[in-house]
Amino acid sequence: MRQILLIFLLCIVLNKSYSQHTEDTAALRVSLETATAMIRKAFADGDAHLVGKLHSLNVIKYFGGSNVIVGRDAVEQGAREWFQNSKVEFLENTIENTEFFGNVAIQTVIFSVRTTPKIGGKPTIARGRSMVIYVRDKNSPSGWLTVREIAQEAPPARP
């Protein structure tokens, strides 16, 4: 009987210690929304340095197939090259889901980005769905850093 009681108590303790810690407050949501607004503004302003600073040093971004960007420096360089030739602006950023786990947030959004060539020409609009993993970081300009991102084609827009 004593062994059964000890096993029961051990199960309760282990269950508590390994349970998922989910924290979701209005303040966290506002903080994350402010951070994502900052990155969209950095794109609109053509600020490649800020785009880079909003990503972790070891960020990995998957954009389909072999299009994978690894590291903050690669993110900044890619943004710099894009901004040299184009004006970039987010037209849509519809949050589908956000979950918080301690200092980590996982967010899924539908986005659209208009890219307008600086030398003239017709703008293009890319629309997609992304899942981004953010981690809170006191050294980030926004308080959050992107650590992973996966983007894919978005479902058709609703009329």
C-alpha atoms as a PDB file:
ATOM      1  CA  MET A   1       0.000   0.000   0.000  1.00  0.00           C
ATOM      2  CA  ARG A   2       2.807   2.388   0.881  1.00  0.00           C
ATOM      3  CA  GLN A   3       4.462   1.768  -2.490  1.00  0.00           C
ATOM      4  CA  ILE A   4       1.237   2.503  -4.325  1.00  0.00           C
ATOM      5  CA  LEU A   5       0.860   5.772  -2.431  1.00  0.00           C
ATOM      6  CA  LEU A   6       4.468   6.758  -3.230  1.00  0.00           C
ATOM      7  CA  ILE A   7       3.999   5.943  -6.915  1.00  0.00           C
ATOM      8  CA  PHE A   8       0.765   7.950  -6.972  1.00  0.00           C
ATOM      9  CA  LEU A   9       2.456  10.980  -5.373  1.00  0.00           C
ATOM     10  CA  LEU A  10       5.419  10.661  -7.730  1.00  0.00           C
ATOM     11  CA  CYS A  11       3.059  10.659 -10.721  1.00  0.00           C
ATOM     12  CA  ILE A  12       1.382  13.836  -9.489  1.00  0.00           C
ATOM     13  CA  VAL A  13       4.721  15.596  -8.967  1.00  0.00           C
ATOM     14  CA  LEU A  14       6.090  14.510 -12.355  1.00  0.00           C
ATOM     15  CA  ASN A  15       2.893  15.497 -14.101  1.00  0.00           C
ATOM     16  CA  LYS A  16       3.142  19.004 -12.649  1.00  0.00           C
ATOM     17  CA  SER A  17       6.843  19.370 -13.430  1.00  0.00           C
ATOM     18  CA  TYR A  18       6.467  18.290 -17.064  1.00  0.00           C
ATOM     19  CA  SER A  19       3.157  19.946 -17.805  1.00  0.00           C
ATOM     20  CA  GLN A  20       3.005  22.513 -20.554  1.00  0.00           C
ATOM     21  CA  HIS A  21       3.298  26.050 -19.210  1.00  0.00           C
ATOM     22  CA  THR A  22       1.061  28.264 -21.310  1.00  0.00           C
ATOM     23  CA  GLU A  23       0.983  31.951 -20.587  1.00  0.00           C
ATOM     24  CA  ASP A  24      -1.322  34.165 -22.614  1.00  0.00           C
ATOM     25  CA  THR A  25      -2.075  37.654 -21.423  1.00  0.00           C
ATOM     26  CA  ALA A  26      -3.284  40.821 -23.077  1.00  0.00           C
ATOM     27  CA  ALA A  27       0.112  42.399 -22.355  1.00  0.00           C
ATOM     28  CA  LEU A  28       1.931  39.586 -24.178  1.00  0.00           C
ATOM     29  CA  ARG A  29      -0.377  39.904 -27.182  1.00  0.00           C
ATOM     30  CA  VAL A  30       0.149  43.677 -27.343  1.00  0.00           C
ATOM     31  CA  SER A  31       3.897  43.203 -26.975  1.00  0.00           C
ATOM     32  CA  LEU A  32       4.035  40.670 -29.823  1.00  0.00           C
ATOM     33  CA  GLU A  33       1.772  42.785 -32.053  1.00  0.00           C
ATOM     34  CA  THR A  34       4.068  45.774 -31.457  1.00  0.00           C
ATOM     35  CA  ALA A  35       7.059  43.617 -32.431  1.00  0.00           C
ATOM     36  CA  THR A  36       5.457  42.336 -35.630  1.00  0.00           C
ATOM     37  CA  ALA A  37       4.376  45.881 -36.543  1.00  0.00           C
ATOM     38  CA  MET A  38       8.002  46.953 -36.085  1.00  0.00           C
ATOM     39  CA  ILE A  39       9.248  44.382 -38.580  1.00  0.00           C
ATOM     40  CA  ARG A  40       6.582  45.323 -41.134  1.00  0.00           C
ATOM     41  CA  LYS A  41       7.593  48.986 -40.741  1.00  0.00           C
ATOM     42  CA  ALA A  42      11.276  48.052 -41.167  1.00  0.00           C
ATOM     43  CA  PHE A  43      10.349  46.446 -44.499  1.00  0.00           C
ATOM     44  CA  ALA A  44       8.336  49.498 -45.571  1.00  0.00           C
ATOM     45  CA  ASP A  45      11.224  51.795 -44.572  1.00  0.00           C
ATOM     46  CA  GLY A  46      13.797  49.620 -46.344  1.00  0.00           C
ATOM     47  CA  ASP A  47      15.724  49.228 -43.074  1.00  0.00           C
ATOM     48  CA  ALA A  48      17.685  45.999 -43.638  1.00  0.00           C
ATOM     49  CA  HIS A  49      19.732  46.492 -40.474  1.00  0.00           C
ATOM     50  CA  LEU A  50      16.608  46.602 -38.288  1.00  0.00           C
ATOM     51  CA  VAL A  51      15.143  43.602 -40.112  1.00  0.00           C
ATOM     52  CA  GLY A  52      18.295  41.698 -39.186  1.00  0.00           C
ATOM     53  CA  LYS A  53      18.262  42.857 -35.549  1.00  0.00           C
ATOM     54  CA  LEU A  54      14.725  41.491 -35.151  1.00  0.00           C
ATOM     55  CA  HIS A  55      15.992  37.963 -35.901  1.00  0.00           C
ATOM     56  CA  SER A  56      18.077  35.707 -33.668  1.00  0.00           C
ATOM     57  CA  LEU A  57      21.694  35.037 -34.591  1.00  0.00           C
ATOM     58  CA  ASN A  58      20.792  31.440 -35.478  1.00  0.00           C
ATOM     59  CA  VAL A  59      17.453  32.079 -37.194  1.00  0.00           C
ATOM     60  CA  ILE A  60      16.359  29.652 -39.899  1.00  0.00           C
ATOM     61  CA  LYS A  61      13.724  30.699 -42.430  1.00  0.00           C
ATOM     62  CA  TYR A  62      12.171  28.140 -44.793  1.00  0.00           C
ATOM     63  CA  PHE A  63      10.505  29.543 -47.903  1.00  0.00           C
ATOM     64  CA  GLY A  64       9.867  26.341 -49.831  1.00  0.00           C
ATOM     65  CA  GLY A  65      12.086  23.888 -51.654  1.00  0.00           C
ATOM     66  CA  SER A  66      15.747  24.762 -51.295  1.00  0.00           C
ATOM     67  CA  ASN A  67      15.031  28.412 -50.409  1.00  0.00           C
ATOM     68  CA  VAL A  68      16.356  28.384 -46.841  1.00  0.00           C
ATOM     69  CA  ILE A  69      17.967  31.364 -45.108  1.00  0.00           C
ATOM     70  CA  VAL A  70      20.223  30.626 -42.142  1.00  0.00           C
ATOM     71  CA  GLY A  71      21.479  33.262 -39.713  1.00  0.00           C
ATOM     72  CA  ARG A  72      20.848  36.910 -38.915  1.00  0.00           C
ATOM     73  CA  ASP A  73      23.546  38.131 -41.313  1.00  0.00           C
ATOM     74  CA  ALA A  74      21.954  36.247 -44.218  1.00  0.00           C
ATOM     75  CA  VAL A  75      18.538  37.718 -43.361  1.00  0.00           C
ATOM     76  CA  GLU A  76      19.979  41.242 -43.290  1.00  0.00           C
ATOM     77  CA  GLN A  77      21.909  40.734 -46.539  1.00  0.00           C
ATOM     78  CA  GLY A  78      18.853  39.319 -48.309  1.00  0.00           C
ATOM     79  CA  ALA A  79      16.718  42.228 -47.116  1.00  0.00           C
ATOM     80  CA  ARG A  80      19.389  44.743 -48.160  1.00  0.00           C
ATOM     81  CA  GLU A  81      19.537  43.289 -51.697  1.00  0.00           C
ATOM     82  CA  TRP A  82      15.742  43.253 -51.941  1.00  0.00           C
ATOM     83  CA  PHE A  83      15.447  46.853 -50.717  1.00  0.00           C
ATOM     84  CA  GLN A  84      18.167  48.116 -53.102  1.00  0.00           C
ATOM     85  CA  ASN A  85      16.016  47.198 -56.074  1.00  0.00           C
ATOM     86  CA  SER A  86      12.483  47.388 -54.730  1.00  0.00           C
ATOM     87  CA  LYS A  87      10.048  49.162 -52.468  1.00  0.00           C
ATOM     88  CA  VAL A  88       8.502  46.525 -50.209  1.00  0.00           C
ATOM     89  CA  GLU A  89       5.310  46.865 -48.203  1.00  0.00           C
ATOM     90  CA  PHE A  90       2.992  44.543 -46.340  1.00  0.00           C
ATOM     91  CA  LEU A  91      -0.599  44.845 -47.517  1.00  0.00           C
ATOM     92  CA  GLU A  92      -2.075  42.149 -45.306  1.00  0.00           C
ATOM     93  CA  ASN A  93      -1.160  40.564 -41.987  1.00  0.00           C
ATOM     94  CA  THR A  94      -4.127  38.559 -40.770  1.00  0.00           C
ATOM     95  CA  ILE A  95      -3.397  36.621 -37.597  1.00  0.00           C
ATOM     96  CA  GLU A  96      -4.865  33.136 -37.709  1.00  0.00           C
ATOM     97  CA  ASN A  97      -3.514  31.853 -34.420  1.00  0.00           C
ATOM     98  CA  THR A  98      -1.120  32.834 -31.629  1.00  0.00           C
ATOM     99  CA  GLU A  99       0.026  30.615 -28.767  1.00  0.00           C
ATOM    100  CA  PHE A 100       2.339  31.548 -25.903  1.00  0.00           C
ATOM    101  CA  PHE A 101       4.524  29.082 -24.008  1.00  0.00           C
ATOM    102  CA  GLY A 102       6.506  30.977 -21.388  1.00  0.00           C
ATOM    103  CA  ASN A 103       8.929  33.223 -23.303  1.00  0.00           C
ATOM    104  CA  VAL A 104       8.039  31.668 -26.663  1.00  0.00           C
ATOM    105  CA  ALA A 105       5.248  32.645 -29.054  1.00  0.00           C
ATOM    106  CA  ILE A 106       4.137  30.734 -32.129  1.00  0.00           C
ATOM    107  CA  GLN A 107       2.074  32.717 -34.593  1.00  0.00           C
ATOM    108  CA  THR A 108       0.414  31.787 -37.873  1.00  0.00           C
ATOM    109  CA  VAL A 109      -0.585  34.597 -40.252  1.00  0.00           C
ATOM    110  CA  ILE A 110      -1.831  35.158 -43.765  1.00  0.00           C
ATOM    111  CA  PHE A 111       0.265  37.902 -45.332  1.00  0.00           C
ATOM    112  CA  SER A 112       0.604  39.711 -48.617  1.00  0.00           C
ATOM    113  CA  VAL A 113       3.584  41.766 -49.688  1.00  0.00           C
ATOM    114  CA  ARG A 114       3.745  44.201 -52.591  1.00  0.00           C
ATOM    115  CA  THR A 115       7.149  44.545 -54.256  1.00  0.00           C
ATOM    116  CA  THR A 116       7.516  47.566 -56.552  1.00  0.00           C
ATOM    117  CA  PRO A 117      10.675  47.813 -58.692  1.00  0.00           C
ATOM    118  CA  LYS A 118      12.527  51.093 -58.078  1.00  0.00           C
ATOM    119  CA  ILE A 119      13.486  51.402 -61.765  1.00  0.00           C
ATOM    120  CA  GLY A 120       9.874  51.234 -62.840  1.00  0.00           C
ATOM    121  CA  GLY A 121       7.756  48.332 -63.822  1.00  0.00           C
ATOM    122  CA  LYS A 122       4.691  46.619 -62.572  1.00  0.00           C
ATOM    123  CA  PRO A 123       4.468  45.785 -58.855  1.00  0.00           C
ATOM    124  CA  THR A 124       3.946  42.171 -57.834  1.00  0.00           C
ATOM    125  CA  ILE A 125       1.991  40.907 -54.870  1.00  0.00           C
ATOM    126  CA  ALA A 126       2.986  37.722 -53.065  1.00  0.00           C
ATOM    127  CA  ARG A 127       0.522  36.165 -50.670  1.00  0.00           C
ATOM    128  CA  GLY A 128       1.352  33.442 -48.212  1.00  0.00           C
ATOM    129  CA  ARG A 129       0.853  31.807 -44.871  1.00  0.00           C
ATOM    130  CA  SER A 130       3.674  31.794 -42.353  1.00  0.00           C
ATOM    131  CA  MET A 131       4.293  30.170 -39.028  1.00  0.00           C
ATOM    132  CA  VAL A 132       6.828  32.105 -36.994  1.00  0.00           C
ATOM    133  CA  ILE A 133       8.392  31.148 -33.688  1.00  0.00           C
ATOM    134  CA  TYR A 134       9.396  34.138 -31.573  1.00  0.00           C
ATOM    135  CA  VAL A 135      11.334  34.245 -28.339  1.00  0.00           C
ATOM    136  CA  ARG A 136      11.318  37.153 -25.912  1.00  0.00           C
ATOM    137  CA  ASP A 137      14.731  38.817 -25.737  1.00  0.00           C
ATOM    138  CA  LYS A 138      15.549  41.933 -23.745  1.00  0.00           C
ATOM    139  CA  ASN A 139      18.291  42.851 -26.250  1.00  0.00           C
ATOM    140  CA  SER A 140      15.913  42.938 -29.211  1.00  0.00           C
ATOM    141  CA  PRO A 141      14.678  46.374 -30.338  1.00  0.00           C
ATOM    142  CA  SER A 142      11.123  45.013 -30.104  1.00  0.00           C
ATOM    143  CA  GLY A 143      11.549  42.677 -27.146  1.00  0.00           C
ATOM    144  CA  TRP A 144      11.062  39.645 -29.429  1.00  0.00           C
ATOM    145  CA  LEU A 145      13.295  37.791 -31.912  1.00  0.00           C
ATOM    146  CA  THR A 146      12.286  35.522 -34.764  1.00  0.00           C
ATOM    147  CA  VAL A 147      14.009  32.151 -34.314  1.00  0.00           C
ATOM    148  CA  ARG A 148      12.223  30.070 -36.983  1.00  0.00           C
ATOM    149  CA  GLU A 149       9.875  30.795 -39.853  1.00  0.00           C
ATOM    150  CA  ILE A 150       8.151  28.615 -42.404  1.00  0.00           C
ATOM    151  CA  ALA A 151       6.187  30.187 -45.264  1.00  0.00           C
ATOM    152  CA  GLN A 152       3.946  28.576 -47.845  1.00  0.00           C
ATOM    153  CA  GLU A 153       1.287  29.532 -50.341  1.00  0.00           C
ATOM    154  CA  ALA A 154      -1.816  30.977 -48.726  1.00  0.00           C
ATOM    155  CA  PRO A 155      -5.299  29.628 -49.331  1.00  0.00           C
ATOM    156  CA  PRO A 156      -7.360  31.632 -51.834  1.00  0.00           C
ATOM    157  CA  ALA A 157      -8.498  35.031 -50.594  1.00  0.00           C
ATOM    158  CA  ARG A 158     -12.120  35.236 -49.567  1.00  0.00           C
ATOM    159  CA  PRO A 159     -14.239  37.621 -51.662  1.00  0.00           C
END
